[in-house]
Amino acid sequence: MKAEIIARKPPITATPDMRIKDVAKILAEKRIGLVVIVDKAQPDVVIGVVSERDIVRAVANNVDLNQPVKEIMTSPVITVEGEEPIWNVAKIMREHNIRHVVVTNKGRLYGVISIRDMVAEESVLKSLVEYGTPEEHRPSAD
C-alpha cells in the first residue's frame, strides 16, 4: 500500500503570517494535530508545519500567541512522496519521533498522514505486518 492511499486530503493549511492563536484555533476546531504552513503565493509549496506539540511548547515558554506562526513552525518538513510504501512511512515516523508526515506529489503538497490514520486502517496494519521487519522492533539486549 502507498502513502497516497491513506493521506488525508485536502490537508489543512495556513500561511506563515497567521497568528499562533489562530492556528491553534484551527487545530481545535478541525480536531487535528497538524497544520501545514504553505507559501502564500504558492499554496502547494510546503514551508513548515505546526503541531499540537509546537503550540503546547509555545504556551509553556510564554510565547506571545499573537506572533506569526512562522516563529514556532517546524522547518524543514519531513515529507514523503505519495508513491512511498506505507511501511516506510511508519519507519520514518518512528525514526523522527513524529505523529504526522506530509505527503507530496512531485514535491507539491498532496496530503497528511497521521499515526491515527495508520492505526485506523485495518489494511494498513496488515501491510505493516506483512512488510515490516520484526528485528527492528525488538528491544536491545542492553
Protein backbone atom coordinates (compact mmCIF):
# COMPACT_ATOMS: atom_id res chain seq x y z
CA MET A 1 0.00 0.00 0.00
CA LYS A 2 1.21 3.50 -0.85
CA ALA A 3 1.12 6.70 1.20
CA GLU A 4 -1.21 8.46 -1.22
CA ILE A 5 -3.94 5.90 -0.48
CA ILE A 6 -4.41 6.94 3.16
CA ALA A 7 -3.21 10.56 3.05
CA ARG A 8 -5.93 12.90 4.26
CA LYS A 9 -6.70 15.39 1.58
CA PRO A 10 -7.03 18.21 1.25
CA PRO A 11 -4.65 18.97 4.09
CA ILE A 12 -5.45 21.84 6.42
CA THR A 13 -3.10 24.71 5.69
CA ALA A 14 -2.17 28.14 6.97
CA THR A 15 0.26 30.83 5.92
CA PRO A 16 3.34 31.85 7.91
CA ASP A 17 1.90 35.26 8.76
CA MET A 18 -1.16 33.87 10.58
CA ARG A 19 -1.14 34.36 14.33
CA ILE A 20 -0.19 31.39 16.52
CA LYS A 21 -3.52 31.58 18.36
CA ASP A 22 -5.44 31.42 15.06
CA VAL A 23 -3.58 28.28 14.02
CA ALA A 24 -4.25 26.80 17.47
CA LYS A 25 -7.95 27.55 16.93
CA ILE A 26 -7.85 25.71 13.59
CA LEU A 27 -6.29 22.67 15.29
CA ALA A 28 -9.03 22.69 17.93
CA GLU A 29 -11.97 23.31 15.57
CA LYS A 30 -10.87 20.74 13.00
CA ARG A 31 -9.84 18.26 15.71
CA ILE A 32 -6.49 17.67 14.03
CA GLY A 33 -2.92 17.53 15.27
CA LEU A 34 -1.07 19.29 12.45
CA VAL A 35 -1.45 22.30 10.18
CA VAL A 36 0.75 22.57 7.10
CA ILE A 37 2.28 26.01 6.60
CA VAL A 38 2.38 26.93 2.93
CA ASP A 39 3.80 29.72 0.82
CA LYS A 40 1.16 32.45 0.47
CA ALA A 41 1.81 32.86 -3.27
CA GLN A 42 2.12 29.10 -3.94
CA PRO A 43 -0.29 27.17 -1.69
CA ASP A 44 1.07 23.80 -2.79
CA VAL A 45 4.60 24.62 -1.57
CA VAL A 46 5.23 23.42 1.99
CA ILE A 47 7.43 25.68 4.10
CA GLY A 48 6.70 24.35 7.58
CA VAL A 49 4.30 22.57 9.91
CA VAL A 50 2.76 23.41 13.27
CA SER A 51 1.66 20.61 15.53
CA GLU A 52 -0.15 20.44 18.84
CA ARG A 53 3.26 19.88 20.40
CA ASP A 54 4.53 23.16 18.92
CA ILE A 55 1.54 25.05 20.37
CA VAL A 56 1.99 23.47 23.82
CA ARG A 57 5.70 24.33 23.74
CA ALA A 58 4.88 27.94 22.80
CA VAL A 59 2.39 28.26 25.67
CA ALA A 60 4.83 26.66 28.12
CA ASN A 61 7.53 29.13 27.06
CA ASN A 62 5.20 32.16 27.36
CA VAL A 63 5.43 32.94 23.65
CA ASP A 64 3.10 35.77 22.62
CA LEU A 65 0.32 33.92 20.78
CA ASN A 66 -0.31 36.99 18.61
CA GLN A 67 3.05 36.44 16.92
CA PRO A 68 3.13 34.97 13.41
CA VAL A 69 3.11 31.18 13.37
CA LYS A 70 6.39 31.21 11.42
CA GLU A 71 8.04 31.91 14.80
CA ILE A 72 7.18 28.43 16.08
CA MET A 73 6.75 26.33 12.94
CA THR A 74 8.95 23.32 12.33
CA SER A 75 11.04 23.64 9.19
CA PRO A 76 12.36 21.91 7.15
CA VAL A 77 9.46 19.49 6.94
CA ILE A 78 9.82 15.72 6.80
CA THR A 79 7.86 14.65 3.73
CA VAL A 80 7.25 11.50 1.72
CA GLU A 81 6.15 11.14 -1.85
CA GLY A 82 2.73 9.60 -2.46
CA GLU A 83 4.35 6.54 -4.03
CA GLU A 84 6.19 5.70 -0.79
CA PRO A 85 5.22 2.32 0.70
CA ILE A 86 3.25 2.75 3.91
CA TRP A 87 5.65 0.56 5.88
CA ASN A 88 8.41 3.05 5.07
CA VAL A 89 6.21 5.95 6.18
CA ALA A 90 5.79 4.19 9.55
CA LYS A 91 9.55 3.72 9.76
CA ILE A 92 10.19 7.41 9.04
CA MET A 93 7.64 8.47 11.66
CA ARG A 94 9.28 6.20 14.23
CA GLU A 95 12.83 7.34 13.38
CA HIS A 96 11.92 11.02 13.67
CA ASN A 97 9.51 10.62 16.61
CA ILE A 98 6.71 12.37 14.73
CA ARG A 99 2.97 11.71 14.67
CA HIS A 100 2.31 13.21 11.24
CA VAL A 101 4.03 13.19 7.90
CA VAL A 102 3.33 15.45 4.94
CA VAL A 103 2.71 13.64 1.67
CA THR A 104 3.78 15.26 -1.58
CA ASN A 105 3.26 14.53 -5.26
CA LYS A 106 6.33 15.55 -7.27
CA GLY A 107 7.33 17.83 -4.42
CA ARG A 108 3.93 19.56 -4.21
CA LEU A 109 1.60 19.30 -1.21
CA TYR A 110 -0.78 16.35 -1.53
CA GLY A 111 -1.96 15.39 1.96
CA VAL A 112 -1.06 14.40 5.51
CA ILE A 113 -0.85 11.03 7.24
CA SER A 114 -1.26 10.85 10.99
CA ILE A 115 -0.44 7.93 13.23
CA ARG A 116 -4.19 7.75 13.88
CA ASP A 117 -4.84 7.34 10.14
CA MET A 118 -2.46 4.41 10.02
CA VAL A 119 -3.90 2.67 13.07
CA ALA A 120 -7.49 3.20 11.91
CA GLU A 121 -6.94 1.35 8.63
CA GLU A 122 -7.01 -2.40 9.01
CA SER A 123 -5.42 -2.82 5.58
CA VAL A 124 -2.55 -0.54 6.63
CA LEU A 125 -1.91 -2.59 9.76
CA LYS A 126 -1.87 -5.77 7.67
CA SER A 127 0.55 -4.12 5.26
CA LEU A 128 2.85 -3.10 8.12
CA VAL A 129 2.84 -6.63 9.49
CA GLU A 130 3.46 -8.12 6.05
CA TYR A 131 6.31 -5.81 5.05
CA GLY A 132 7.68 -4.84 8.45
CA THR A 133 10.93 -6.20 9.74
CA PRO A 134 10.33 -7.54 13.26
CA GLU A 135 14.04 -7.38 14.09
CA GLU A 136 13.80 -3.59 14.15
CA HIS A 137 11.11 -3.71 16.85
CA ARG A 138 12.88 -5.97 19.35
CA PRO A 139 14.26 -4.34 22.49
CA SER A 140 18.02 -4.12 22.65
CA ALA A 141 19.95 -6.63 24.75
CA ASP A 142 21.46 -3.84 26.87
